Amino acid sequence: MQSRPTTTTPPVATEFNGKDRNAFLFGWNPQAELWNGRLAMIGFLAYLLWDLAGYSVLRDVLHLVSYTH
């Protein structure tokens, strides 16, 4: 009977600077770009929920522009 080799999960991936991808590091580094993207996604979701609740900044601006012309 032939035994199969055991599989192990790969280690946590690190960026090219050798640090953890999720580390909150200050300065110009790959981790800052990941955090920037994550916070931007949270901001877009927050605005979408705010807009669905009836408080739309864009709609208010368009109403103001349409009243002035």
PDB file of N, CA and C in Angstrom:
ATOM      1  N   MET A   1       0.841  -1.166   0.000  1.00  0.00           N
ATOM      2  CA  MET A   1       0.000   0.000   0.000  1.00  0.00           C
ATOM      3  C   MET A   1       0.899   1.246   0.000  1.00  0.00           C
ATOM      4  N   GLN A   2       0.546   2.183  -0.873  1.00  0.00           N
ATOM      5  CA  GLN A   2       1.362   3.392  -1.010  1.00  0.00           C
ATOM      6  C   GLN A   2       0.747   4.515  -0.168  1.00  0.00           C
ATOM      7  N   SER A   3       1.583   5.168   0.616  1.00  0.00           N
ATOM      8  CA  SER A   3       1.065   6.256   1.455  1.00  0.00           C
ATOM      9  C   SER A   3       1.210   7.589   0.733  1.00  0.00           C
ATOM     10  N   ARG A   4       0.244   8.415   0.934  1.00  0.00           N
ATOM     11  CA  ARG A   4       0.272   9.753   0.324  1.00  0.00           C
ATOM     12  C   ARG A   4       1.012  10.717   1.244  1.00  0.00           C
ATOM     13  N   PRO A   5       1.713  11.665   0.654  1.00  0.00           N
ATOM     14  CA  PRO A   5       2.388  12.656   1.508  1.00  0.00           C
ATOM     15  C   PRO A   5       1.354  13.556   2.182  1.00  0.00           C
ATOM     16  N   THR A   6       1.655  13.941   3.391  1.00  0.00           N
ATOM     17  CA  THR A   6       0.737  14.822   4.105  1.00  0.00           C
ATOM     18  C   THR A   6       0.867  16.237   3.547  1.00  0.00           C
ATOM     19  N   THR A   7      -0.251  16.899   3.466  1.00  0.00           N
ATOM     20  CA  THR A   7      -0.233  18.272   2.958  1.00  0.00           C
ATOM     21  C   THR A   7      -0.289  19.238   4.140  1.00  0.00           C
ATOM     22  N   THR A   8       0.477  20.259   4.041  1.00  0.00           N
ATOM     23  CA  THR A   8       0.460  21.297   5.066  1.00  0.00           C
ATOM     24  C   THR A   8       0.041  22.600   4.420  1.00  0.00           C
ATOM     25  N   THR A   9      -0.617  23.426   5.173  1.00  0.00           N
ATOM     26  CA  THR A   9      -1.021  24.715   4.641  1.00  0.00           C
ATOM     27  C   THR A   9       0.194  25.629   4.541  1.00  0.00           C
ATOM     28  N   PRO A  10       0.194  26.507   3.545  1.00  0.00           N
ATOM     29  CA  PRO A  10       1.343  27.400   3.395  1.00  0.00           C
ATOM     30  C   PRO A  10       1.398  28.412   4.536  1.00  0.00           C
ATOM     31  N   PRO A  11       2.550  28.945   4.819  1.00  0.00           N
ATOM     32  CA  PRO A  11       2.650  29.953   5.882  1.00  0.00           C
ATOM     33  C   PRO A  11       1.955  31.246   5.459  1.00  0.00           C
ATOM     34  N   VAL A  12       1.752  32.131   6.407  1.00  0.00           N
ATOM     35  CA  VAL A  12       1.106  33.403   6.124  1.00  0.00           C
ATOM     36  C   VAL A  12       1.946  34.176   5.109  1.00  0.00           C
ATOM     37  N   ALA A  13       1.294  34.677   4.078  1.00  0.00           N
ATOM     38  CA  ALA A  13       2.011  35.406   3.037  1.00  0.00           C
ATOM     39  C   ALA A  13       2.507  36.750   3.570  1.00  0.00           C
ATOM     40  N   THR A  14       3.700  37.095   3.195  1.00  0.00           N
ATOM     41  CA  THR A  14       4.260  38.389   3.592  1.00  0.00           C
ATOM     42  C   THR A  14       4.546  39.207   2.342  1.00  0.00           C
ATOM     43  N   GLU A  15       4.563  40.511   2.484  1.00  0.00           N
ATOM     44  CA  GLU A  15       4.895  41.389   1.375  1.00  0.00           C
ATOM     45  C   GLU A  15       6.387  41.342   1.116  1.00  0.00           C
ATOM     46  N   PHE A  16       6.812  42.073   0.108  1.00  0.00           N
ATOM     47  CA  PHE A  16       8.231  42.016  -0.254  1.00  0.00           C
ATOM     48  C   PHE A  16       9.129  42.639   0.807  1.00  0.00           C
ATOM     49  N   ASN A  17       8.568  43.412   1.721  1.00  0.00           N
ATOM     50  CA  ASN A  17       9.387  43.977   2.791  1.00  0.00           C
ATOM     51  C   ASN A  17       9.533  43.010   3.967  1.00  0.00           C
ATOM     52  N   GLY A  18       8.926  41.827   3.862  1.00  0.00           N
ATOM     53  CA  GLY A  18       9.113  40.796   4.868  1.00  0.00           C
ATOM     54  C   GLY A  18       8.255  40.938   6.104  1.00  0.00           C
ATOM     55  N   LYS A  19       7.320  41.875   6.107  1.00  0.00           N
ATOM     56  CA  LYS A  19       6.461  42.075   7.269  1.00  0.00           C
ATOM     57  C   LYS A  19       5.069  41.543   6.972  1.00  0.00           C
ATOM     58  N   ASP A  20       4.291  41.344   8.007  1.00  0.00           N
ATOM     59  CA  ASP A  20       2.928  40.843   7.869  1.00  0.00           C
ATOM     60  C   ASP A  20       2.104  41.802   7.033  1.00  0.00           C
ATOM     61  N   ARG A  21       1.287  41.258   6.121  1.00  0.00           N
ATOM     62  CA  ARG A  21       0.477  42.103   5.243  1.00  0.00           C
ATOM     63  C   ARG A  21      -0.542  42.932   6.004  1.00  0.00           C
ATOM     64  N   ASN A  22      -1.004  42.452   7.148  1.00  0.00           N
ATOM     65  CA  ASN A  22      -2.040  43.152   7.893  1.00  0.00           C
ATOM     66  C   ASN A  22      -1.491  44.059   8.988  1.00  0.00           C
ATOM     67  N   ALA A  23      -0.190  44.197   9.078  1.00  0.00           N
ATOM     68  CA  ALA A  23       0.395  45.061  10.107  1.00  0.00           C
ATOM     69  C   ALA A  23       0.040  46.515   9.807  1.00  0.00           C
ATOM     70  N   PHE A  24      -0.275  47.265  10.839  1.00  0.00           N
ATOM     71  CA  PHE A  24      -0.604  48.678  10.676  1.00  0.00           C
ATOM     72  C   PHE A  24       0.692  49.477  10.827  1.00  0.00           C
ATOM     73  N   LEU A  25       1.373  49.683   9.705  1.00  0.00           N
ATOM     74  CA  LEU A  25       2.654  50.381   9.698  1.00  0.00           C
ATOM     75  C   LEU A  25       2.465  51.780   9.154  1.00  0.00           C
ATOM     76  N   PHE A  26       3.192  52.729   9.698  1.00  0.00           N
ATOM     77  CA  PHE A  26       3.095  54.112   9.253  1.00  0.00           C
ATOM     78  C   PHE A  26       4.105  54.355   8.137  1.00  0.00           C
ATOM     79  N   GLY A  27       3.718  55.131   7.127  1.00  0.00           N
ATOM     80  CA  GLY A  27       4.642  55.494   6.058  1.00  0.00           C
ATOM     81  C   GLY A  27       4.213  54.902   4.723  1.00  0.00           C
ATOM     82  N   TRP A  28       5.069  55.089   3.719  1.00  0.00           N
ATOM     83  CA  TRP A  28       4.793  54.604   2.370  1.00  0.00           C
ATOM     84  C   TRP A  28       5.240  53.150   2.287  1.00  0.00           C
ATOM     85  N   ASN A  29       4.297  52.231   2.388  1.00  0.00           N
ATOM     86  CA  ASN A  29       4.617  50.812   2.332  1.00  0.00           C
ATOM     87  C   ASN A  29       3.397  50.055   1.816  1.00  0.00           C
ATOM     88  N   PRO A  30       3.568  48.804   1.420  1.00  0.00           N
ATOM     89  CA  PRO A  30       2.436  48.034   0.891  1.00  0.00           C
ATOM     90  C   PRO A  30       1.292  47.878   1.889  1.00  0.00           C
ATOM     91  N   GLN A  31       1.604  47.797   3.167  1.00  0.00           N
ATOM     92  CA  GLN A  31       0.551  47.636   4.167  1.00  0.00           C
ATOM     93  C   GLN A  31      -0.351  48.873   4.203  1.00  0.00           C
ATOM     94  N   ALA A  32       0.229  50.048   4.013  1.00  0.00           N
ATOM     95  CA  ALA A  32      -0.570  51.275   4.009  1.00  0.00           C
ATOM     96  C   ALA A  32      -1.571  51.265   2.853  1.00  0.00           C
ATOM     97  N   GLU A  33      -1.173  50.726   1.713  1.00  0.00           N
ATOM     98  CA  GLU A  33      -2.089  50.655   0.576  1.00  0.00           C
ATOM     99  C   GLU A  33      -3.242  49.692   0.860  1.00  0.00           C
ATOM    100  N   LEU A  34      -2.970  48.593   1.536  1.00  0.00           N
ATOM    101  CA  LEU A  34      -4.052  47.670   1.896  1.00  0.00           C
ATOM    102  C   LEU A  34      -5.033  48.337   2.849  1.00  0.00           C
ATOM    103  N   TRP A  35      -4.520  49.031   3.857  1.00  0.00           N
ATOM    104  CA  TRP A  35      -5.400  49.708   4.812  1.00  0.00           C
ATOM    105  C   TRP A  35      -6.173  50.837   4.141  1.00  0.00           C
ATOM    106  N   ASN A  36      -5.535  51.540   3.205  1.00  0.00           N
ATOM    107  CA  ASN A  36      -6.209  52.604   2.478  1.00  0.00           C
ATOM    108  C   ASN A  36      -7.395  52.033   1.695  1.00  0.00           C
ATOM    109  N   GLY A  37      -7.196  50.920   1.022  1.00  0.00           N
ATOM    110  CA  GLY A  37      -8.281  50.296   0.277  1.00  0.00           C
ATOM    111  C   GLY A  37      -9.399  49.811   1.175  1.00  0.00           C
ATOM    112  N   ARG A  38      -9.044  49.230   2.308  1.00  0.00           N
ATOM    113  CA  ARG A  38     -10.061  48.740   3.239  1.00  0.00           C
ATOM    114  C   ARG A  38     -10.901  49.887   3.790  1.00  0.00           C
ATOM    115  N   LEU A  39     -10.245  50.961   4.177  1.00  0.00           N
ATOM    116  CA  LEU A  39     -10.985  52.101   4.725  1.00  0.00           C
ATOM    117  C   LEU A  39     -11.830  52.780   3.646  1.00  0.00           C
ATOM    118  N   ALA A  40     -11.347  52.794   2.404  1.00  0.00           N
ATOM    119  CA  ALA A  40     -12.138  53.363   1.308  1.00  0.00           C
ATOM    120  C   ALA A  40     -13.401  52.538   1.079  1.00  0.00           C
ATOM    121  N   MET A  41     -13.283  51.208   1.142  1.00  0.00           N
ATOM    122  CA  MET A  41     -14.463  50.356   0.973  1.00  0.00           C
ATOM    123  C   MET A  41     -15.480  50.603   2.084  1.00  0.00           C
ATOM    124  N   ILE A  42     -15.003  50.789   3.307  1.00  0.00           N
ATOM    125  CA  ILE A  42     -15.905  51.089   4.420  1.00  0.00           C
ATOM    126  C   ILE A  42     -16.595  52.433   4.187  1.00  0.00           C
ATOM    127  N   GLY A  43     -15.850  53.409   3.677  1.00  0.00           N
ATOM    128  CA  GLY A  43     -16.424  54.725   3.393  1.00  0.00           C
ATOM    129  C   GLY A  43     -17.487  54.670   2.315  1.00  0.00           C
ATOM    130  N   PHE A  44     -17.225  53.925   1.238  1.00  0.00           N
ATOM    131  CA  PHE A  44     -18.221  53.800   0.173  1.00  0.00           C
ATOM    132  C   PHE A  44     -19.481  53.102   0.680  1.00  0.00           C
ATOM    133  N   LEU A  45     -19.314  52.080   1.491  1.00  0.00           N
ATOM    134  CA  LEU A  45     -20.470  51.383   2.055  1.00  0.00           C
ATOM    135  C   LEU A  45     -21.251  52.298   2.991  1.00  0.00           C
ATOM    136  N   ALA A  46     -20.545  53.082   3.796  1.00  0.00           N
ATOM    137  CA  ALA A  46     -21.223  54.007   4.705  1.00  0.00           C
ATOM    138  C   ALA A  46     -22.022  55.048   3.919  1.00  0.00           C
ATOM    139  N   TYR A  47     -21.443  55.573   2.829  1.00  0.00           N
ATOM    140  CA  TYR A  47     -22.177  56.555   2.035  1.00  0.00           C
ATOM    141  C   TYR A  47     -23.386  55.909   1.362  1.00  0.00           C
ATOM    142  N   LEU A  48     -23.226  54.669   0.878  1.00  0.00           N
ATOM    143  CA  LEU A  48     -24.351  53.987   0.243  1.00  0.00           C
ATOM    144  C   LEU A  48     -25.496  53.808   1.235  1.00  0.00           C
ATOM    145  N   LEU A  49     -25.183  53.385   2.448  1.00  0.00           N
ATOM    146  CA  LEU A  49     -26.224  53.226   3.469  1.00  0.00           C
ATOM    147  C   LEU A  49     -26.842  54.573   3.837  1.00  0.00           C
ATOM    148  N   TRP A  50     -26.024  55.609   3.918  1.00  0.00           N
ATOM    149  CA  TRP A  50     -26.523  56.951   4.218  1.00  0.00           C
ATOM    150  C   TRP A  50     -27.474  57.412   3.115  1.00  0.00           C
ATOM    151  N   ASP A  51     -27.097  57.125   1.856  1.00  0.00           N
ATOM    152  CA  ASP A  51     -27.928  57.516   0.723  1.00  0.00           C
ATOM    153  C   ASP A  51     -29.237  56.731   0.712  1.00  0.00           C
ATOM    154  N   LEU A  52     -29.174  55.453   1.002  1.00  0.00           N
ATOM    155  CA  LEU A  52     -30.398  54.645   1.032  1.00  0.00           C
ATOM    156  C   LEU A  52     -31.321  55.065   2.169  1.00  0.00           C
ATOM    157  N   ALA A  53     -30.783  55.647   3.216  1.00  0.00           N
ATOM    158  CA  ALA A  53     -31.602  56.126   4.326  1.00  0.00           C
ATOM    159  C   ALA A  53     -32.301  57.443   3.988  1.00  0.00           C
ATOM    160  N   GLY A  54     -31.961  58.037   2.841  1.00  0.00           N
ATOM    161  CA  GLY A  54     -32.636  59.256   2.413  1.00  0.00           C
ATOM    162  C   GLY A  54     -31.822  60.519   2.550  1.00  0.00           C
ATOM    163  N   TYR A  55     -30.604  60.422   3.032  1.00  0.00           N
ATOM    164  CA  TYR A  55     -29.751  61.591   3.195  1.00  0.00           C
ATOM    165  C   TYR A  55     -28.696  61.589   2.095  1.00  0.00           C
ATOM    166  N   SER A  56     -29.012  62.161   0.945  1.00  0.00           N
ATOM    167  CA  SER A  56     -28.103  62.092  -0.186  1.00  0.00           C
ATOM    168  C   SER A  56     -27.459  63.447  -0.447  1.00  0.00           C
ATOM    169  N   VAL A  57     -26.177  63.497  -0.332  1.00  0.00           N
ATOM    170  CA  VAL A  57     -25.441  64.725  -0.635  1.00  0.00           C
ATOM    171  C   VAL A  57     -25.524  65.019  -2.125  1.00  0.00           C
ATOM    172  N   LEU A  58     -25.338  64.018  -2.968  1.00  0.00           N
ATOM    173  CA  LEU A  58     -25.376  64.236  -4.411  1.00  0.00           C
ATOM    174  C   LEU A  58     -26.762  64.681  -4.874  1.00  0.00           C
ATOM    175  N   ARG A  59     -27.803  64.088  -4.345  1.00  0.00           N
ATOM    176  CA  ARG A  59     -29.159  64.475  -4.722  1.00  0.00           C
ATOM    177  C   ARG A  59     -29.442  65.914  -4.297  1.00  0.00           C
ATOM    178  N   ASP A  60     -28.992  66.302  -3.105  1.00  0.00           N
ATOM    179  CA  ASP A  60     -29.196  67.670  -2.644  1.00  0.00           C
ATOM    180  C   ASP A  60     -28.456  68.667  -3.527  1.00  0.00           C
ATOM    181  N   VAL A  61     -27.249  68.328  -3.943  1.00  0.00           N
ATOM    182  CA  VAL A  61     -26.483  69.213  -4.813  1.00  0.00           C
ATOM    183  C   VAL A  61     -27.168  69.346  -6.172  1.00  0.00           C
ATOM    184  N   LEU A  62     -27.664  68.243  -6.708  1.00  0.00           N
ATOM    185  CA  LEU A  62     -28.350  68.308  -7.996  1.00  0.00           C
ATOM    186  C   LEU A  62     -29.638  69.122  -7.904  1.00  0.00           C
ATOM    187  N   HIS A  63     -30.357  69.062  -6.797  1.00  0.00           N
ATOM    188  CA  HIS A  63     -31.559  69.877  -6.603  1.00  0.00           C
ATOM    189  C   HIS A  63     -31.194  71.351  -6.546  1.00  0.00           C
ATOM    190  N   LEU A  64     -30.107  71.671  -5.851  1.00  0.00           N
ATOM    191  CA  LEU A  64     -29.682  73.068  -5.784  1.00  0.00           C
ATOM    192  C   LEU A  64     -29.291  73.603  -7.143  1.00  0.00           C
ATOM    193  N   VAL A  65     -28.608  72.782  -7.946  1.00  0.00           N
ATOM    194  CA  VAL A  65     -28.201  73.207  -9.281  1.00  0.00           C
ATOM    195  C   VAL A  65     -29.425  73.392 -10.173  1.00  0.00           C
ATOM    196  N   SER A  66     -30.417  72.531 -10.062  1.00  0.00           N
ATOM    197  CA  SER A  66     -31.606  72.628 -10.916  1.00  0.00           C
ATOM    198  C   SER A  66     -32.458  73.838 -10.539  1.00  0.00           C
ATOM    199  N   TYR A  67     -32.440  74.267  -9.262  1.00  0.00           N
ATOM    200  CA  TYR A  67     -33.204  75.453  -8.862  1.00  0.00           C
ATOM    201  C   TYR A  67     -32.566  76.750  -9.332  1.00  0.00           C
ATOM    202  N   THR A  68     -31.283  76.760  -9.526  1.00  0.00           N
ATOM    203  CA  THR A  68     -30.618  78.000  -9.914  1.00  0.00           C
ATOM    204  C   THR A  68     -30.691  78.250 -11.411  1.00  0.00           C
ATOM    205  N   HIS A  69     -31.079  77.268 -12.207  1.00  0.00           N
ATOM    206  CA  HIS A  69     -31.159  77.491 -13.658  1.00  0.00           C
ATOM    207  C   HIS A  69     -32.569  77.570 -14.118  1.00  0.00           C
TER     208      HIS A  69
END
